[in-house]
Amino acid sequence: MPRTEAAELRAFSAEWDVPLDDLQSERLLDYARLLIHWSRRINLTGARSTAAVISEHYPDAFALASRLVRPARLVDVGSGGGLPAVPLALLRPELSVRLCEPIAKKAAFLRTAIRDLGLSERVSLDVARGEDLPMGEFDVAISRATLEPQAWLALGRQLVRPGGRVIILTVPGSTVATAGTTRPYAGGRRLLVDVPVGSGG
């Protein structure tokens, strides 16, 4: 018998040692439902059900949440439909998250999600490209599938302050010339690379 969506969230919570209360679980389900509803009109995700959003996309958010346990200013470049930054913000209420998405239709969805999920106090949106953001202002920079890993690393290093971190979400075998900490997940199909940015950038 397939696991329920809520049970899958609990399993991810246990796997990644990321706390998850009932309200967070409900908000994560709300976000998945909202994403599917809007995707019927605009292209936000290839997933066709809330269960698919959770099983295919939420592992990224839990993987990030396992690495981000302290308060931080985080920027997500090329936010699209909000994956993985919106579920990450729900999982880690200590994060201040800045979404960056240049496409107006996707930005309209993100504004709705921020409002409906009660995230307005700590999640903001820039309708812009990553290159247009202020440089050196963030503690952590993330991006998924917007740029090739090496190009993302170059931009991310400019966005974070000295001592900050750039996180690359990629697949095993990708060429990433860096000394970051790596962790495969999702059955070895995905790879998180966590790169510290020193005082020399």
N, C-alpha and C. Protein backbone atom coordinates (compact mmCIF):
# COMPACT_ATOMS: atom_id res chain seq x y z
N MET A 1 0.85 -1.20 0.00
CA MET A 1 0.00 0.00 0.00
C MET A 1 0.89 1.25 0.00
N PRO A 2 0.67 2.19 -0.90
CA PRO A 2 1.51 3.39 -0.96
C PRO A 2 1.38 4.23 0.31
N ARG A 3 2.48 4.88 0.66
CA ARG A 3 2.44 5.79 1.80
C ARG A 3 1.59 7.01 1.47
N THR A 4 0.90 7.55 2.49
CA THR A 4 0.19 8.80 2.29
C THR A 4 1.22 9.93 2.14
N GLU A 5 0.75 11.06 1.63
CA GLU A 5 1.66 12.19 1.45
C GLU A 5 2.22 12.65 2.79
N ALA A 6 1.37 12.72 3.82
CA ALA A 6 1.84 13.13 5.14
C ALA A 6 2.86 12.14 5.70
N ALA A 7 2.63 10.84 5.45
CA ALA A 7 3.58 9.83 5.92
C ALA A 7 4.92 9.96 5.20
N GLU A 8 4.89 10.32 3.92
CA GLU A 8 6.14 10.51 3.19
C GLU A 8 6.92 11.69 3.75
N LEU A 9 6.22 12.76 4.11
CA LEU A 9 6.88 13.89 4.74
C LEU A 9 7.54 13.48 6.06
N ARG A 10 6.84 12.68 6.84
CA ARG A 10 7.41 12.22 8.11
C ARG A 10 8.65 11.35 7.86
N ALA A 11 8.60 10.54 6.81
CA ALA A 11 9.74 9.70 6.47
C ALA A 11 10.95 10.55 6.07
N PHE A 12 10.71 11.60 5.28
CA PHE A 12 11.81 12.52 4.92
C PHE A 12 12.37 13.19 6.17
N SER A 13 11.48 13.59 7.08
CA SER A 13 11.90 14.23 8.32
C SER A 13 12.84 13.32 9.12
N ALA A 14 12.47 12.06 9.21
CA ALA A 14 13.30 11.10 9.94
C ALA A 14 14.61 10.83 9.21
N GLU A 15 14.54 10.67 7.90
CA GLU A 15 15.74 10.37 7.11
C GLU A 15 16.78 11.48 7.23
N TRP A 16 16.34 12.72 7.20
CA TRP A 16 17.26 13.86 7.18
C TRP A 16 17.45 14.49 8.55
N ASP A 17 16.75 13.98 9.57
CA ASP A 17 16.83 14.54 10.93
C ASP A 17 16.45 16.02 10.91
N VAL A 18 15.37 16.34 10.22
CA VAL A 18 14.84 17.70 10.14
C VAL A 18 13.50 17.72 10.86
N PRO A 19 13.37 18.51 11.94
CA PRO A 19 12.10 18.54 12.68
C PRO A 19 10.93 18.93 11.79
N LEU A 20 9.77 18.33 12.07
CA LEU A 20 8.57 18.61 11.28
C LEU A 20 7.36 18.48 12.17
N ASP A 21 6.68 19.60 12.45
CA ASP A 21 5.47 19.53 13.26
C ASP A 21 4.24 19.47 12.35
N ASP A 22 3.08 19.33 12.97
CA ASP A 22 1.85 19.15 12.19
C ASP A 22 1.54 20.36 11.31
N LEU A 23 1.79 21.57 11.84
CA LEU A 23 1.51 22.77 11.05
C LEU A 23 2.44 22.85 9.84
N GLN A 24 3.72 22.55 10.03
CA GLN A 24 4.65 22.55 8.90
C GLN A 24 4.23 21.53 7.86
N SER A 25 3.84 20.35 8.31
CA SER A 25 3.41 19.31 7.38
C SER A 25 2.21 19.77 6.57
N GLU A 26 1.24 20.41 7.22
CA GLU A 26 0.05 20.88 6.51
C GLU A 26 0.41 21.98 5.52
N ARG A 27 1.32 22.87 5.91
CA ARG A 27 1.74 23.94 4.99
C ARG A 27 2.48 23.37 3.78
N LEU A 28 3.28 22.35 4.00
CA LEU A 28 3.97 21.71 2.87
C LEU A 28 2.98 21.08 1.90
N LEU A 29 1.93 20.47 2.45
CA LEU A 29 0.89 19.91 1.60
C LEU A 29 0.12 21.02 0.88
N ASP A 30 -0.16 22.12 1.59
CA ASP A 30 -0.85 23.26 0.98
C ASP A 30 -0.06 23.80 -0.21
N TYR A 31 1.25 23.93 -0.01
CA TYR A 31 2.09 24.46 -1.09
C TYR A 31 2.06 23.53 -2.30
N ALA A 32 2.16 22.22 -2.08
CA ALA A 32 2.12 21.27 -3.20
C ALA A 32 0.79 21.37 -3.95
N ARG A 33 -0.30 21.51 -3.22
CA ARG A 33 -1.62 21.64 -3.86
C ARG A 33 -1.70 22.93 -4.66
N LEU A 34 -1.22 24.03 -4.09
CA LEU A 34 -1.24 25.32 -4.78
C LEU A 34 -0.40 25.27 -6.06
N LEU A 35 0.75 24.64 -5.97
CA LEU A 35 1.64 24.52 -7.13
C LEU A 35 0.96 23.75 -8.26
N ILE A 36 0.32 22.65 -7.94
CA ILE A 36 -0.37 21.85 -8.96
C ILE A 36 -1.54 22.64 -9.55
N HIS A 37 -2.27 23.34 -8.71
CA HIS A 37 -3.42 24.13 -9.19
C HIS A 37 -2.97 25.19 -10.20
N TRP A 38 -1.92 25.92 -9.88
CA TRP A 38 -1.43 26.97 -10.80
C TRP A 38 -0.78 26.36 -12.04
N SER A 39 -0.20 25.18 -11.90
CA SER A 39 0.48 24.56 -13.04
C SER A 39 -0.47 24.13 -14.14
N ARG A 40 -1.74 24.11 -13.83
CA ARG A 40 -2.71 23.81 -14.89
C ARG A 40 -2.81 24.97 -15.87
N ARG A 41 -2.38 26.16 -15.44
CA ARG A 41 -2.46 27.36 -16.29
C ARG A 41 -1.09 27.83 -16.79
N ILE A 42 -0.08 27.72 -15.96
CA ILE A 42 1.26 28.13 -16.37
C ILE A 42 2.25 27.02 -16.02
N ASN A 43 3.36 26.98 -16.72
CA ASN A 43 4.32 25.90 -16.54
C ASN A 43 5.22 26.16 -15.33
N LEU A 44 4.88 25.52 -14.21
CA LEU A 44 5.66 25.67 -12.99
C LEU A 44 6.42 24.41 -12.61
N THR A 45 5.86 23.24 -12.95
CA THR A 45 6.49 21.98 -12.59
C THR A 45 6.02 20.90 -13.55
N GLY A 46 6.86 19.91 -13.75
CA GLY A 46 6.46 18.76 -14.56
C GLY A 46 5.62 17.77 -13.77
N ALA A 47 5.59 17.92 -12.44
CA ALA A 47 4.80 17.02 -11.60
C ALA A 47 3.32 17.23 -11.87
N ARG A 48 2.56 16.16 -11.81
CA ARG A 48 1.13 16.25 -12.13
C ARG A 48 0.23 15.98 -10.92
N SER A 49 0.79 15.80 -9.76
CA SER A 49 0.00 15.55 -8.55
C SER A 49 0.78 16.03 -7.34
N THR A 50 0.07 16.26 -6.24
CA THR A 50 0.76 16.66 -5.02
C THR A 50 1.72 15.56 -4.56
N ALA A 51 1.32 14.31 -4.73
CA ALA A 51 2.20 13.20 -4.35
C ALA A 51 3.50 13.24 -5.14
N ALA A 52 3.41 13.58 -6.43
CA ALA A 52 4.61 13.66 -7.26
C ALA A 52 5.50 14.83 -6.85
N VAL A 53 4.88 15.97 -6.50
CA VAL A 53 5.67 17.11 -6.02
C VAL A 53 6.48 16.70 -4.79
N ILE A 54 5.81 16.00 -3.88
CA ILE A 54 6.47 15.61 -2.64
C ILE A 54 7.58 14.60 -2.89
N SER A 55 7.29 13.56 -3.65
CA SER A 55 8.28 12.50 -3.84
C SER A 55 9.43 12.93 -4.74
N GLU A 56 9.14 13.77 -5.76
CA GLU A 56 10.17 14.15 -6.72
C GLU A 56 10.96 15.39 -6.33
N HIS A 57 10.31 16.32 -5.62
CA HIS A 57 10.94 17.62 -5.39
C HIS A 57 11.26 17.94 -3.94
N TYR A 58 10.52 17.39 -3.00
CA TYR A 58 10.78 17.73 -1.61
C TYR A 58 12.10 17.17 -1.06
N PRO A 59 12.65 16.09 -1.62
CA PRO A 59 13.97 15.67 -1.13
C PRO A 59 15.02 16.78 -1.21
N ASP A 60 14.95 17.64 -2.24
CA ASP A 60 15.88 18.77 -2.33
C ASP A 60 15.74 19.68 -1.12
N ALA A 61 14.50 19.99 -0.73
CA ALA A 61 14.27 20.89 0.40
C ALA A 61 14.77 20.28 1.71
N PHE A 62 14.51 18.99 1.90
CA PHE A 62 14.98 18.34 3.13
C PHE A 62 16.50 18.24 3.14
N ALA A 63 17.11 17.97 1.99
CA ALA A 63 18.57 17.92 1.93
C ALA A 63 19.17 19.27 2.31
N LEU A 64 18.59 20.35 1.80
CA LEU A 64 19.06 21.69 2.16
C LEU A 64 18.81 21.98 3.64
N ALA A 65 17.63 21.64 4.12
CA ALA A 65 17.29 21.91 5.52
C ALA A 65 18.25 21.21 6.48
N SER A 66 18.74 20.05 6.08
CA SER A 66 19.69 19.32 6.94
C SER A 66 21.02 20.04 7.07
N ARG A 67 21.33 20.91 6.10
CA ARG A 67 22.59 21.66 6.10
C ARG A 67 22.45 23.06 6.68
N LEU A 68 21.21 23.53 6.82
CA LEU A 68 20.97 24.93 7.21
C LEU A 68 20.22 24.94 8.54
N VAL A 69 20.97 24.85 9.60
CA VAL A 69 20.36 24.70 10.92
C VAL A 69 20.44 25.98 11.75
N ARG A 70 21.08 27.02 11.23
CA ARG A 70 21.21 28.28 11.96
C ARG A 70 20.51 29.40 11.18
N PRO A 71 20.16 30.49 11.87
CA PRO A 71 19.60 31.64 11.16
C PRO A 71 20.55 32.13 10.07
N ALA A 72 19.99 32.46 8.91
CA ALA A 72 20.82 32.90 7.79
C ALA A 72 19.97 33.67 6.80
N ARG A 73 20.63 34.54 6.03
CA ARG A 73 20.00 35.23 4.91
C ARG A 73 20.31 34.42 3.66
N LEU A 74 19.29 33.86 3.05
CA LEU A 74 19.46 32.95 1.92
C LEU A 74 18.83 33.53 0.67
N VAL A 75 19.51 33.40 -0.45
CA VAL A 75 18.94 33.80 -1.74
C VAL A 75 18.81 32.57 -2.63
N ASP A 76 17.68 32.49 -3.33
CA ASP A 76 17.42 31.41 -4.28
C ASP A 76 17.29 32.02 -5.66
N VAL A 77 18.21 31.72 -6.54
CA VAL A 77 18.25 32.32 -7.88
C VAL A 77 17.53 31.43 -8.88
N GLY A 78 16.63 32.02 -9.66
CA GLY A 78 15.83 31.26 -10.62
C GLY A 78 14.79 30.43 -9.91
N SER A 79 14.00 31.07 -9.04
CA SER A 79 13.11 30.34 -8.13
C SER A 79 12.01 29.57 -8.86
N GLY A 80 11.61 30.03 -10.05
CA GLY A 80 10.57 29.31 -10.80
C GLY A 80 9.28 29.22 -10.01
N GLY A 81 8.84 28.00 -9.75
CA GLY A 81 7.64 27.78 -8.95
C GLY A 81 7.90 27.70 -7.46
N GLY A 82 9.14 28.00 -7.05
CA GLY A 82 9.46 28.02 -5.62
C GLY A 82 10.13 26.78 -5.08
N LEU A 83 10.46 25.85 -5.95
CA LEU A 83 11.17 24.64 -5.52
C LEU A 83 12.67 24.83 -5.70
N PRO A 84 13.46 24.58 -4.66
CA PRO A 84 13.09 24.06 -3.34
C PRO A 84 12.95 25.11 -2.26
N ALA A 85 13.02 26.42 -2.60
CA ALA A 85 13.16 27.45 -1.58
C ALA A 85 11.91 27.61 -0.71
N VAL A 86 10.71 27.49 -1.29
CA VAL A 86 9.50 27.67 -0.48
C VAL A 86 9.35 26.55 0.54
N PRO A 87 9.43 25.26 0.16
CA PRO A 87 9.37 24.24 1.19
C PRO A 87 10.53 24.34 2.18
N LEU A 88 11.70 24.77 1.72
CA LEU A 88 12.81 24.98 2.65
C LEU A 88 12.45 26.03 3.69
N ALA A 89 11.85 27.14 3.26
CA ALA A 89 11.44 28.19 4.20
C ALA A 89 10.43 27.66 5.21
N LEU A 90 9.55 26.76 4.78
CA LEU A 90 8.59 26.17 5.70
C LEU A 90 9.27 25.24 6.70
N LEU A 91 10.29 24.54 6.26
CA LEU A 91 11.00 23.61 7.14
C LEU A 91 11.93 24.32 8.13
N ARG A 92 12.47 25.47 7.71
CA ARG A 92 13.45 26.18 8.55
C ARG A 92 12.97 27.61 8.81
N PRO A 93 12.14 27.80 9.84
CA PRO A 93 11.58 29.13 10.11
C PRO A 93 12.61 30.16 10.54
N GLU A 94 13.83 29.74 10.83
CA GLU A 94 14.88 30.69 11.20
C GLU A 94 15.55 31.34 9.99
N LEU A 95 15.24 30.86 8.79
CA LEU A 95 15.84 31.43 7.59
C LEU A 95 15.07 32.65 7.10
N SER A 96 15.82 33.64 6.61
CA SER A 96 15.25 34.75 5.86
C SER A 96 15.56 34.49 4.39
N VAL A 97 14.52 34.35 3.57
CA VAL A 97 14.69 33.84 2.20
C VAL A 97 14.31 34.92 1.19
N ARG A 98 15.18 35.11 0.21
CA ARG A 98 14.91 36.05 -0.89
C ARG A 98 14.81 35.24 -2.18
N LEU A 99 13.64 35.24 -2.77
CA LEU A 99 13.42 34.55 -4.03
C LEU A 99 13.76 35.49 -5.18
N CYS A 100 14.32 34.94 -6.23
CA CYS A 100 14.71 35.73 -7.40
C CYS A 100 14.19 35.02 -8.65
N GLU A 101 13.21 35.63 -9.32
CA GLU A 101 12.59 35.02 -10.49
C GLU A 101 12.22 36.10 -11.50
N PRO A 102 12.80 36.08 -12.72
CA PRO A 102 12.56 37.16 -13.67
C PRO A 102 11.27 37.04 -14.47
N ILE A 103 10.64 35.85 -14.51
CA ILE A 103 9.46 35.66 -15.35
C ILE A 103 8.21 36.07 -14.57
N ALA A 104 7.45 37.01 -15.12
CA ALA A 104 6.35 37.64 -14.39
C ALA A 104 5.28 36.65 -13.95
N LYS A 105 4.92 35.69 -14.81
CA LYS A 105 3.86 34.74 -14.45
C LYS A 105 4.29 33.87 -13.26
N LYS A 106 5.53 33.45 -13.27
CA LYS A 106 6.03 32.65 -12.14
C LYS A 106 6.13 33.50 -10.88
N ALA A 107 6.53 34.76 -11.04
CA ALA A 107 6.60 35.67 -9.90
C ALA A 107 5.22 35.89 -9.29
N ALA A 108 4.18 35.94 -10.13
CA ALA A 108 2.81 36.10 -9.62
C ALA A 108 2.42 34.91 -8.75
N PHE A 109 2.80 33.71 -9.18
CA PHE A 109 2.53 32.54 -8.33
C PHE A 109 3.29 32.63 -7.02
N LEU A 110 4.56 33.02 -7.08
CA LEU A 110 5.36 33.10 -5.86
C LEU A 110 4.77 34.09 -4.87
N ARG A 111 4.28 35.23 -5.36
CA ARG A 111 3.64 36.20 -4.46
C ARG A 111 2.44 35.57 -3.77
N THR A 112 1.65 34.82 -4.54
CA THR A 112 0.47 34.15 -3.96
C THR A 112 0.88 33.13 -2.92
N ALA A 113 1.90 32.33 -3.23
CA ALA A 113 2.36 31.31 -2.29
C ALA A 113 2.88 31.94 -1.00
N ILE A 114 3.68 32.99 -1.13
CA ILE A 114 4.21 33.67 0.05
C ILE A 114 3.07 34.15 0.95
N ARG A 115 2.05 34.77 0.32
CA ARG A 115 0.91 35.28 1.10
C ARG A 115 0.09 34.16 1.71
N ASP A 116 -0.29 33.18 0.90
CA ASP A 116 -1.20 32.13 1.37
C ASP A 116 -0.57 31.23 2.43
N LEU A 117 0.74 31.08 2.40
CA LEU A 117 1.42 30.21 3.36
C LEU A 117 1.90 30.97 4.60
N GLY A 118 1.60 32.27 4.67
CA GLY A 118 1.96 33.04 5.85
C GLY A 118 3.45 33.30 5.99
N LEU A 119 4.13 33.46 4.86
CA LEU A 119 5.59 33.63 4.87
C LEU A 119 6.05 35.06 4.63
N SER A 120 5.12 36.00 4.58
CA SER A 120 5.46 37.36 4.14
C SER A 120 6.50 38.05 5.01
N GLU A 121 6.58 37.68 6.28
CA GLU A 121 7.51 38.37 7.18
C GLU A 121 8.96 38.01 6.92
N ARG A 122 9.21 36.86 6.31
CA ARG A 122 10.62 36.46 6.14
C ARG A 122 10.97 35.90 4.77
N VAL A 123 10.02 35.93 3.84
CA VAL A 123 10.29 35.54 2.46
C VAL A 123 9.92 36.70 1.55
N SER A 124 10.88 37.16 0.74
CA SER A 124 10.64 38.26 -0.17
C SER A 124 10.92 37.82 -1.60
N LEU A 125 10.52 38.64 -2.56
CA LEU A 125 10.65 38.28 -3.97
C LEU A 125 11.24 39.44 -4.76
N ASP A 126 12.25 39.13 -5.58
CA ASP A 126 12.76 40.07 -6.56
C ASP A 126 12.40 39.54 -7.95
N VAL A 127 11.71 40.34 -8.75
CA VAL A 127 11.43 39.96 -10.13
C VAL A 127 12.63 40.43 -10.94
N ALA A 128 13.66 39.60 -10.97
CA ALA A 128 14.95 39.99 -11.54
C ALA A 128 15.78 38.76 -11.81
N ARG A 129 16.87 38.95 -12.53
CA ARG A 129 17.86 37.89 -12.75
C ARG A 129 18.86 37.92 -11.60
N GLY A 130 19.51 36.80 -11.39
CA GLY A 130 20.48 36.72 -10.30
C GLY A 130 21.59 37.73 -10.42
N GLU A 131 21.98 38.02 -11.65
CA GLU A 131 23.07 38.97 -11.88
C GLU A 131 22.71 40.39 -11.46
N ASP A 132 21.40 40.65 -11.29
CA ASP A 132 20.95 41.99 -10.94
C ASP A 132 20.80 42.19 -9.42
N LEU A 133 21.02 41.15 -8.66
CA LEU A 133 20.90 41.25 -7.21
C LEU A 133 22.12 41.95 -6.61
N PRO A 134 21.99 42.50 -5.41
CA PRO A 134 23.16 43.08 -4.74
C PRO A 134 24.17 41.98 -4.40
N MET A 135 25.42 42.25 -4.65
CA MET A 135 26.46 41.25 -4.43
C MET A 135 26.98 41.31 -3.00
N GLY A 136 27.34 40.16 -2.47
CA GLY A 136 27.97 40.08 -1.16
C GLY A 136 27.04 40.30 0.02
N GLU A 137 25.73 40.15 -0.18
CA GLU A 137 24.77 40.47 0.89
C GLU A 137 24.21 39.24 1.60
N PHE A 138 24.47 38.05 1.10
CA PHE A 138 23.78 36.87 1.61
C PHE A 138 24.75 35.92 2.33
N ASP A 139 24.16 35.13 3.24
CA ASP A 139 24.94 34.11 3.94
C ASP A 139 25.02 32.82 3.13
N VAL A 140 23.94 32.54 2.41
CA VAL A 140 23.83 31.30 1.63
C VAL A 140 23.17 31.61 0.29
N ALA A 141 23.68 31.03 -0.79
CA ALA A 141 23.06 31.15 -2.10
C ALA A 141 22.76 29.76 -2.63
N ILE A 142 21.53 29.56 -3.11
CA ILE A 142 21.13 28.28 -3.70
C ILE A 142 20.51 28.53 -5.07
N SER A 143 20.53 27.50 -5.90
CA SER A 143 19.86 27.55 -7.20
C SER A 143 19.70 26.12 -7.67
N ARG A 144 18.62 25.87 -8.39
CA ARG A 144 18.40 24.53 -8.91
C ARG A 144 18.03 24.61 -10.38
N ALA A 145 18.87 24.02 -11.23
CA ALA A 145 18.57 23.86 -12.66
C ALA A 145 18.46 25.17 -13.41
N THR A 146 19.04 26.25 -12.89
CA THR A 146 19.02 27.52 -13.60
C THR A 146 20.27 27.70 -14.43
N LEU A 147 21.42 27.36 -13.86
CA LEU A 147 22.71 27.47 -14.53
C LEU A 147 23.46 26.15 -14.40
N GLU A 148 24.42 25.94 -15.29
CA GLU A 148 25.32 24.79 -15.12
C GLU A 148 26.07 24.96 -13.80
N PRO A 149 26.44 23.84 -13.14
CA PRO A 149 27.03 23.95 -11.80
C PRO A 149 28.20 24.92 -11.69
N GLN A 150 29.12 24.90 -12.64
CA GLN A 150 30.29 25.77 -12.52
C GLN A 150 29.91 27.24 -12.70
N ALA A 151 28.96 27.52 -13.61
CA ALA A 151 28.49 28.89 -13.79
C ALA A 151 27.74 29.36 -12.55
N TRP A 152 26.94 28.48 -11.95
CA TRP A 152 26.23 28.85 -10.73
C TRP A 152 27.22 29.13 -9.60
N LEU A 153 28.24 28.32 -9.48
CA LEU A 153 29.23 28.53 -8.43
C LEU A 153 29.89 29.91 -8.57
N ALA A 154 30.20 30.30 -9.80
CA ALA A 154 30.83 31.60 -10.03
C ALA A 154 29.91 32.74 -9.61
N LEU A 155 28.62 32.67 -9.98
CA LEU A 155 27.68 33.71 -9.59
C LEU A 155 27.40 33.67 -8.09
N GLY A 156 27.19 32.47 -7.57
CA GLY A 156 26.90 32.33 -6.14
C GLY A 156 27.99 32.90 -5.27
N ARG A 157 29.24 32.72 -5.67
CA ARG A 157 30.36 33.26 -4.89
C ARG A 157 30.32 34.79 -4.83
N GLN A 158 29.78 35.42 -5.86
CA GLN A 158 29.65 36.87 -5.84
C GLN A 158 28.50 37.33 -4.94
N LEU A 159 27.47 36.52 -4.85
CA LEU A 159 26.28 36.91 -4.09
C LEU A 159 26.47 36.81 -2.59
N VAL A 160 27.32 35.88 -2.12
CA VAL A 160 27.44 35.69 -0.68
C VAL A 160 28.59 36.50 -0.10
N ARG A 161 28.48 36.77 1.17
CA ARG A 161 29.52 37.48 1.90
C ARG A 161 30.71 36.55 2.12
N PRO A 162 31.90 37.12 2.43
CA PRO A 162 33.03 36.27 2.84
C PRO A 162 32.63 35.44 4.06
N GLY A 163 32.90 34.16 4.01
CA GLY A 163 32.47 33.26 5.07
C GLY A 163 31.11 32.64 4.81
N GLY A 164 30.46 33.03 3.69
CA GLY A 164 29.17 32.45 3.34
C GLY A 164 29.32 31.11 2.62
N ARG A 165 28.22 30.65 2.04
CA ARG A 165 28.21 29.33 1.40
C ARG A 165 27.41 29.38 0.11
N VAL A 166 27.88 28.64 -0.88
CA VAL A 166 27.14 28.42 -2.11
C VAL A 166 26.77 26.94 -2.16
N ILE A 167 25.50 26.65 -2.37
CA ILE A 167 25.06 25.25 -2.43
C ILE A 167 24.61 24.94 -3.85
N ILE A 168 25.17 23.87 -4.38
CA ILE A 168 24.87 23.41 -5.73
C ILE A 168 24.02 22.14 -5.63
N LEU A 169 22.88 22.12 -6.28
CA LEU A 169 22.05 20.92 -6.39
C LEU A 169 22.24 20.38 -7.80
N THR A 170 22.82 19.21 -7.90
CA THR A 170 23.17 18.68 -9.22
C THR A 170 23.00 17.16 -9.22
N VAL A 171 23.64 16.50 -10.16
CA VAL A 171 23.57 15.04 -10.25
C VAL A 171 24.98 14.49 -10.21
N PRO A 172 25.14 13.26 -9.73
CA PRO A 172 26.48 12.67 -9.74
C PRO A 172 27.07 12.66 -11.14
N GLY A 173 28.36 12.96 -11.21
CA GLY A 173 29.03 13.00 -12.51
C GLY A 173 29.15 14.40 -13.08
N SER A 174 28.42 15.37 -12.48
CA SER A 174 28.56 16.75 -12.93
C SER A 174 29.97 17.25 -12.63
N THR A 175 30.47 18.10 -13.50
CA THR A 175 31.80 18.65 -13.31
C THR A 175 31.70 19.89 -12.43
N VAL A 176 32.16 19.76 -11.18
CA VAL A 176 32.20 20.88 -10.25
C VAL A 176 33.59 20.93 -9.67
N ALA A 177 34.38 21.88 -10.12
CA ALA A 177 35.77 22.00 -9.66
C ALA A 177 35.79 22.78 -8.36
N THR A 178 35.59 22.10 -7.26
CA THR A 178 35.54 22.76 -5.96
C THR A 178 35.87 21.78 -4.85
N ALA A 179 36.18 22.34 -3.70
CA ALA A 179 36.52 21.51 -2.54
C ALA A 179 35.35 21.44 -1.56
N GLY A 180 34.13 21.59 -2.04
CA GLY A 180 32.98 21.59 -1.16
C GLY A 180 32.65 20.22 -0.61
N THR A 181 31.79 20.21 0.42
CA THR A 181 31.27 18.98 1.00
C THR A 181 30.17 18.44 0.09
N THR A 182 30.23 17.17 -0.22
CA THR A 182 29.23 16.58 -1.12
C THR A 182 28.41 15.52 -0.39
N ARG A 183 27.14 15.40 -0.77
CA ARG A 183 26.29 14.33 -0.25
C ARG A 183 25.32 13.88 -1.32
N PRO A 184 25.41 12.63 -1.74
CA PRO A 184 24.40 12.09 -2.65
C PRO A 184 23.10 11.81 -1.89
N TYR A 185 21.98 11.88 -2.59
CA TYR A 185 20.69 11.57 -1.96
C TYR A 185 19.72 11.13 -3.04
N ALA A 186 18.47 10.91 -2.64
CA ALA A 186 17.43 10.42 -3.56
C ALA A 186 17.90 9.15 -4.27
N GLY A 187 18.38 8.21 -3.47
CA GLY A 187 18.84 6.95 -4.03
C GLY A 187 20.08 7.07 -4.89
N GLY A 188 20.87 8.13 -4.63
CA GLY A 188 22.09 8.34 -5.39
C GLY A 188 21.90 9.05 -6.71
N ARG A 189 20.66 9.50 -6.99
CA ARG A 189 20.37 10.17 -8.27
C ARG A 189 20.68 11.66 -8.24
N ARG A 190 20.84 12.23 -7.04
CA ARG A 190 21.10 13.66 -6.91
C ARG A 190 22.28 13.89 -5.99
N LEU A 191 22.84 15.09 -6.08
CA LEU A 191 24.04 15.41 -5.31
C LEU A 191 23.94 16.85 -4.81
N LEU A 192 24.19 17.02 -3.51
CA LEU A 192 24.28 18.35 -2.92
C LEU A 192 25.75 18.65 -2.67
N VAL A 193 26.21 19.81 -3.16
CA VAL A 193 27.58 20.25 -2.96
C VAL A 193 27.53 21.57 -2.19
N ASP A 194 28.13 21.59 -1.01
CA ASP A 194 28.11 22.75 -0.11
C ASP A 194 29.50 23.37 -0.10
N VAL A 195 29.62 24.57 -0.68
CA VAL A 195 30.93 25.19 -0.91
C VAL A 195 31.10 26.41 -0.01
N PRO A 196 32.05 26.40 0.91
CA PRO A 196 32.32 27.60 1.71
C PRO A 196 33.05 28.65 0.87
N VAL A 197 32.71 29.90 1.11
CA VAL A 197 33.36 31.00 0.39
C VAL A 197 34.26 31.73 1.37
N GLY A 198 35.56 31.68 1.14
CA GLY A 198 36.52 32.29 2.03
C GLY A 198 36.63 33.79 1.83
N SER A 199 37.50 34.40 2.62
CA SER A 199 37.66 35.85 2.56
C SER A 199 38.19 36.31 1.22
N GLY A 200 38.81 35.38 0.48
CA GLY A 200 39.29 35.71 -0.86
C GLY A 200 38.25 35.49 -1.93
N GLY A 201 37.01 35.10 -1.54
CA GLY A 201 35.94 34.88 -2.51
C GLY A 201 36.04 33.52 -3.12
